[in-house]
């Protein structure tokens, strides 16, 4: 959970930088994250159900979302957010470099 908080906090805070205009398409951002969460979350739920892997109860919070630890579910939200933010920030920086 600590790694998710650290890796997500910087992109989240920088996403409010006005020239970046990161939130100009909030529905597209939400849809992108929702697709990743649905596809890979379902894959994880299936893999845990089949016994392909498990989560050590001593290493994760006890709160579960459809049989997945909270941290695993948030992973599919935070990391795609970070990736999309990085993509948009790089587009902004490259565009600014060539002006």
N, C-alpha and C. Protein backbone atom coordinates (compact mmCIF):
# COMPACT_ATOMS: atom_id res chain seq x y z
N UNK A 1 0.83 -1.19 0.00
CA UNK A 1 0.00 0.00 0.00
C UNK A 1 0.87 1.26 0.00
N UNK A 2 1.96 1.19 0.75
CA UNK A 2 2.87 2.34 0.80
C UNK A 2 3.45 2.66 -0.57
N UNK A 3 3.81 1.63 -1.32
CA UNK A 3 4.36 1.85 -2.67
C UNK A 3 3.30 2.48 -3.57
N UNK A 4 2.06 2.04 -3.46
CA UNK A 4 0.99 2.65 -4.26
C UNK A 4 0.81 4.12 -3.89
N UNK A 5 0.83 4.42 -2.60
CA UNK A 5 0.68 5.82 -2.17
C UNK A 5 1.82 6.69 -2.68
N UNK A 6 3.03 6.18 -2.60
CA UNK A 6 4.18 6.96 -3.05
C UNK A 6 4.16 7.14 -4.56
N UNK A 7 3.93 6.05 -5.28
CA UNK A 7 3.98 6.14 -6.74
C UNK A 7 2.79 6.92 -7.31
N UNK A 8 1.67 6.94 -6.62
CA UNK A 8 0.52 7.66 -7.13
C UNK A 8 0.44 9.10 -6.69
N UNK A 9 1.09 9.45 -5.60
CA UNK A 9 0.94 10.81 -5.07
C UNK A 9 1.59 11.87 -5.95
N UNK A 10 2.77 11.61 -6.46
CA UNK A 10 3.45 12.62 -7.29
C UNK A 10 2.67 12.88 -8.58
N UNK A 11 2.32 11.85 -9.36
CA UNK A 11 1.51 12.14 -10.56
C UNK A 11 0.17 12.80 -10.23
N UNK A 12 -0.46 12.38 -9.13
CA UNK A 12 -1.74 12.99 -8.76
C UNK A 12 -1.56 14.48 -8.49
N UNK A 13 -0.57 14.84 -7.69
CA UNK A 13 -0.35 16.25 -7.38
C UNK A 13 0.05 17.06 -8.62
N UNK A 14 0.92 16.49 -9.45
CA UNK A 14 1.35 17.20 -10.65
C UNK A 14 0.25 17.29 -11.71
N UNK A 15 -0.76 16.44 -11.61
CA UNK A 15 -1.83 16.47 -12.60
C UNK A 15 -2.65 17.76 -12.51
N UNK A 16 -2.52 18.49 -11.42
CA UNK A 16 -3.23 19.75 -11.27
C UNK A 16 -2.45 20.94 -11.82
N UNK A 17 -1.28 20.71 -12.38
CA UNK A 17 -0.48 21.77 -13.00
C UNK A 17 -1.29 22.33 -14.17
N UNK A 18 -1.70 23.59 -14.11
CA UNK A 18 -2.67 24.13 -15.08
C UNK A 18 -2.29 23.98 -16.57
N UNK A 19 -1.05 24.27 -16.98
CA UNK A 19 -0.78 24.14 -18.42
C UNK A 19 -0.90 22.71 -18.95
N UNK A 20 -0.76 21.73 -18.08
CA UNK A 20 -0.83 20.34 -18.52
C UNK A 20 -2.26 19.97 -18.93
N UNK A 21 -3.26 20.54 -18.28
CA UNK A 21 -4.67 20.29 -18.57
C UNK A 21 -4.98 18.79 -18.58
N UNK A 22 -4.49 18.11 -17.57
CA UNK A 22 -4.63 16.66 -17.51
C UNK A 22 -6.08 16.22 -17.40
N UNK A 23 -6.89 16.99 -16.73
CA UNK A 23 -8.28 16.60 -16.52
C UNK A 23 -9.24 17.19 -17.54
N UNK A 24 -8.76 17.48 -18.71
CA UNK A 24 -9.66 18.03 -19.72
C UNK A 24 -10.61 16.98 -20.27
N UNK A 25 -10.28 15.69 -20.09
CA UNK A 25 -11.15 14.60 -20.54
C UNK A 25 -11.32 13.57 -19.41
N UNK A 26 -12.06 13.93 -18.37
CA UNK A 26 -12.18 13.02 -17.22
C UNK A 26 -12.89 11.71 -17.55
N UNK A 27 -13.84 11.74 -18.47
CA UNK A 27 -14.54 10.50 -18.82
C UNK A 27 -13.61 9.52 -19.54
N UNK A 28 -12.74 10.04 -20.38
CA UNK A 28 -11.78 9.16 -21.07
C UNK A 28 -10.80 8.56 -20.07
N UNK A 29 -10.36 9.35 -19.11
CA UNK A 29 -9.47 8.85 -18.07
C UNK A 29 -10.16 7.76 -17.25
N UNK A 30 -11.39 8.02 -16.83
CA UNK A 30 -12.14 7.04 -16.03
C UNK A 30 -12.40 5.77 -16.84
N UNK A 31 -12.74 5.91 -18.12
CA UNK A 31 -13.01 4.75 -18.96
C UNK A 31 -11.75 3.91 -19.15
N UNK A 32 -10.62 4.56 -19.35
CA UNK A 32 -9.36 3.84 -19.53
C UNK A 32 -9.00 3.04 -18.29
N UNK A 33 -9.13 3.67 -17.14
CA UNK A 33 -8.82 2.98 -15.89
C UNK A 33 -9.83 1.86 -15.63
N UNK A 34 -11.09 2.11 -15.96
CA UNK A 34 -12.13 1.09 -15.75
C UNK A 34 -11.89 -0.15 -16.60
N UNK A 35 -11.43 0.03 -17.83
CA UNK A 35 -11.14 -1.12 -18.69
C UNK A 35 -10.01 -1.96 -18.10
N UNK A 36 -8.94 -1.30 -17.66
CA UNK A 36 -7.82 -2.02 -17.06
C UNK A 36 -8.28 -2.75 -15.80
N UNK A 37 -9.04 -2.06 -14.97
CA UNK A 37 -9.54 -2.66 -13.73
C UNK A 37 -10.42 -3.87 -14.02
N UNK A 38 -11.30 -3.75 -15.00
CA UNK A 38 -12.21 -4.85 -15.32
C UNK A 38 -11.47 -6.06 -15.88
N UNK A 39 -10.61 -5.83 -16.86
CA UNK A 39 -9.93 -6.94 -17.52
C UNK A 39 -8.94 -7.63 -16.58
N UNK A 40 -8.03 -6.86 -16.03
CA UNK A 40 -6.99 -7.47 -15.20
C UNK A 40 -7.50 -7.85 -13.81
N UNK A 41 -8.52 -7.13 -13.33
CA UNK A 41 -9.14 -7.51 -12.06
C UNK A 41 -9.83 -8.85 -12.19
N UNK A 42 -10.55 -9.03 -13.30
CA UNK A 42 -11.22 -10.32 -13.54
C UNK A 42 -10.20 -11.44 -13.68
N UNK A 43 -9.10 -11.14 -14.36
CA UNK A 43 -8.04 -12.13 -14.52
C UNK A 43 -7.48 -12.53 -13.14
N UNK A 44 -7.25 -11.56 -12.30
CA UNK A 44 -6.75 -11.84 -10.95
C UNK A 44 -7.75 -12.65 -10.13
N UNK A 45 -9.01 -12.26 -10.17
CA UNK A 45 -10.04 -12.98 -9.43
C UNK A 45 -10.07 -14.44 -9.88
N UNK A 46 -10.02 -14.66 -11.18
CA UNK A 46 -10.04 -16.01 -11.71
C UNK A 46 -8.79 -16.79 -11.28
N UNK A 47 -7.63 -16.16 -11.36
CA UNK A 47 -6.38 -16.84 -10.98
C UNK A 47 -6.36 -17.21 -9.50
N UNK A 48 -6.89 -16.35 -8.65
CA UNK A 48 -6.96 -16.66 -7.22
C UNK A 48 -7.97 -17.77 -6.98
N UNK A 49 -9.11 -17.70 -7.65
CA UNK A 49 -10.14 -18.73 -7.51
C UNK A 49 -9.61 -20.10 -7.95
N UNK A 50 -8.81 -20.11 -9.03
CA UNK A 50 -8.25 -21.37 -9.52
C UNK A 50 -7.06 -21.85 -8.70
N UNK A 51 -6.54 -21.00 -7.84
CA UNK A 51 -5.40 -21.38 -7.00
C UNK A 51 -4.06 -21.20 -7.68
N UNK A 52 -4.03 -20.44 -8.77
CA UNK A 52 -2.76 -20.18 -9.47
C UNK A 52 -1.83 -19.32 -8.63
N UNK A 53 -2.41 -18.42 -7.85
CA UNK A 53 -1.63 -17.66 -6.88
C UNK A 53 -2.54 -17.20 -5.76
N UNK A 54 -1.90 -16.67 -4.73
CA UNK A 54 -2.66 -16.23 -3.57
C UNK A 54 -1.96 -15.01 -2.99
N UNK A 55 -2.61 -14.39 -2.03
CA UNK A 55 -2.06 -13.23 -1.35
C UNK A 55 -1.88 -13.59 0.11
N UNK A 56 -0.68 -13.44 0.61
CA UNK A 56 -0.37 -13.76 2.00
C UNK A 56 -1.17 -12.85 2.92
N UNK A 57 -2.03 -13.40 3.75
CA UNK A 57 -2.85 -12.57 4.64
C UNK A 57 -2.03 -11.68 5.57
N UNK A 58 -0.83 -12.08 5.89
CA UNK A 58 0.01 -11.26 6.76
C UNK A 58 0.66 -10.10 6.05
N UNK A 59 0.58 -10.06 4.71
CA UNK A 59 1.25 -9.01 3.96
C UNK A 59 0.29 -8.00 3.34
N UNK A 60 -1.02 -8.25 3.45
CA UNK A 60 -2.00 -7.34 2.85
C UNK A 60 -3.08 -7.00 3.88
N UNK A 61 -3.82 -5.93 3.61
CA UNK A 61 -4.94 -5.58 4.46
C UNK A 61 -6.03 -6.65 4.34
N UNK A 62 -6.85 -6.75 5.36
CA UNK A 62 -7.91 -7.76 5.34
C UNK A 62 -9.10 -7.36 4.47
N UNK A 63 -9.23 -6.07 4.14
CA UNK A 63 -10.34 -5.63 3.30
C UNK A 63 -10.18 -6.20 1.89
N UNK A 64 -11.24 -6.76 1.38
CA UNK A 64 -11.22 -7.41 0.06
C UNK A 64 -12.27 -6.79 -0.85
N UNK A 65 -11.96 -6.78 -2.14
CA UNK A 65 -12.89 -6.36 -3.18
C UNK A 65 -12.99 -7.54 -4.15
N UNK A 66 -14.12 -8.19 -4.15
CA UNK A 66 -14.35 -9.39 -4.97
C UNK A 66 -13.18 -10.37 -4.81
N UNK A 67 -12.89 -10.71 -3.61
CA UNK A 67 -11.87 -11.70 -3.25
C UNK A 67 -10.42 -11.25 -3.52
N UNK A 68 -10.21 -9.99 -3.86
CA UNK A 68 -8.86 -9.46 -4.03
C UNK A 68 -8.55 -8.49 -2.91
N UNK A 69 -7.33 -8.48 -2.41
CA UNK A 69 -6.97 -7.50 -1.39
C UNK A 69 -7.13 -6.07 -1.93
N UNK A 70 -7.40 -5.16 -1.05
CA UNK A 70 -7.58 -3.76 -1.44
C UNK A 70 -6.38 -3.26 -2.23
N UNK A 71 -5.18 -3.63 -1.81
CA UNK A 71 -3.97 -3.17 -2.50
C UNK A 71 -3.94 -3.64 -3.95
N UNK A 72 -4.34 -4.86 -4.20
CA UNK A 72 -4.33 -5.39 -5.57
C UNK A 72 -5.34 -4.65 -6.44
N UNK A 73 -6.52 -4.37 -5.88
CA UNK A 73 -7.53 -3.63 -6.62
C UNK A 73 -7.05 -2.21 -6.92
N UNK A 74 -6.47 -1.56 -5.92
CA UNK A 74 -5.97 -0.19 -6.14
C UNK A 74 -4.80 -0.16 -7.11
N UNK A 75 -4.04 -1.24 -7.19
CA UNK A 75 -2.94 -1.32 -8.15
C UNK A 75 -3.47 -1.08 -9.56
N UNK A 76 -4.65 -1.65 -9.87
CA UNK A 76 -5.22 -1.51 -11.21
C UNK A 76 -5.87 -0.16 -11.44
N UNK A 77 -5.87 0.69 -10.45
CA UNK A 77 -6.34 2.06 -10.60
C UNK A 77 -5.14 3.03 -10.61
N UNK A 78 -4.25 2.87 -9.64
CA UNK A 78 -3.13 3.81 -9.47
C UNK A 78 -2.12 3.71 -10.62
N UNK A 79 -1.71 2.50 -10.97
CA UNK A 79 -0.67 2.36 -11.99
C UNK A 79 -1.15 2.82 -13.37
N UNK A 80 -2.36 2.47 -13.81
CA UNK A 80 -2.82 3.06 -15.07
C UNK A 80 -2.91 4.58 -15.02
N UNK A 81 -3.34 5.13 -13.87
CA UNK A 81 -3.37 6.59 -13.73
C UNK A 81 -1.97 7.16 -13.93
N UNK A 82 -0.97 6.54 -13.30
CA UNK A 82 0.41 7.01 -13.43
C UNK A 82 0.89 6.91 -14.88
N UNK A 83 0.54 5.83 -15.55
CA UNK A 83 0.95 5.65 -16.95
C UNK A 83 0.31 6.70 -17.85
N UNK A 84 -0.98 6.92 -17.69
CA UNK A 84 -1.67 7.93 -18.50
C UNK A 84 -1.13 9.31 -18.20
N UNK A 85 -0.88 9.59 -16.94
CA UNK A 85 -0.30 10.88 -16.58
C UNK A 85 1.06 11.06 -17.24
N UNK A 86 1.90 10.04 -17.18
CA UNK A 86 3.24 10.12 -17.78
C UNK A 86 3.13 10.36 -19.28
N UNK A 87 2.22 9.66 -19.93
CA UNK A 87 2.02 9.84 -21.38
C UNK A 87 1.61 11.29 -21.69
N UNK A 88 0.66 11.81 -20.96
CA UNK A 88 0.19 13.18 -21.20
C UNK A 88 1.27 14.21 -20.86
N UNK A 89 2.01 13.97 -19.80
CA UNK A 89 3.09 14.91 -19.43
C UNK A 89 4.18 14.92 -20.48
N UNK A 90 4.52 13.74 -21.02
CA UNK A 90 5.54 13.68 -22.07
C UNK A 90 5.05 14.37 -23.34
N UNK A 91 3.78 14.18 -23.70
CA UNK A 91 3.24 14.89 -24.86
C UNK A 91 3.34 16.40 -24.67
N UNK A 92 3.00 16.87 -23.47
CA UNK A 92 3.08 18.30 -23.17
C UNK A 92 4.51 18.80 -23.27
N UNK A 93 5.46 18.06 -22.68
CA UNK A 93 6.86 18.50 -22.69
C UNK A 93 7.45 18.49 -24.10
N UNK A 94 7.14 17.47 -24.88
CA UNK A 94 7.65 17.39 -26.25
C UNK A 94 7.06 18.52 -27.09
N UNK A 95 5.78 18.76 -26.93
CA UNK A 95 5.13 19.86 -27.67
C UNK A 95 5.76 21.19 -27.29
N UNK A 96 6.02 21.36 -26.02
CA UNK A 96 6.62 22.62 -25.55
C UNK A 96 8.06 22.78 -26.05
N UNK A 97 8.79 21.66 -26.15
CA UNK A 97 10.16 21.72 -26.65
C UNK A 97 10.22 22.18 -28.09
N UNK A 98 9.23 21.79 -28.90
CA UNK A 98 9.26 22.08 -30.33
C UNK A 98 8.58 23.39 -30.69
N UNK A 99 8.16 24.17 -29.71
CA UNK A 99 7.54 25.46 -30.01
C UNK A 99 8.58 26.52 -30.21
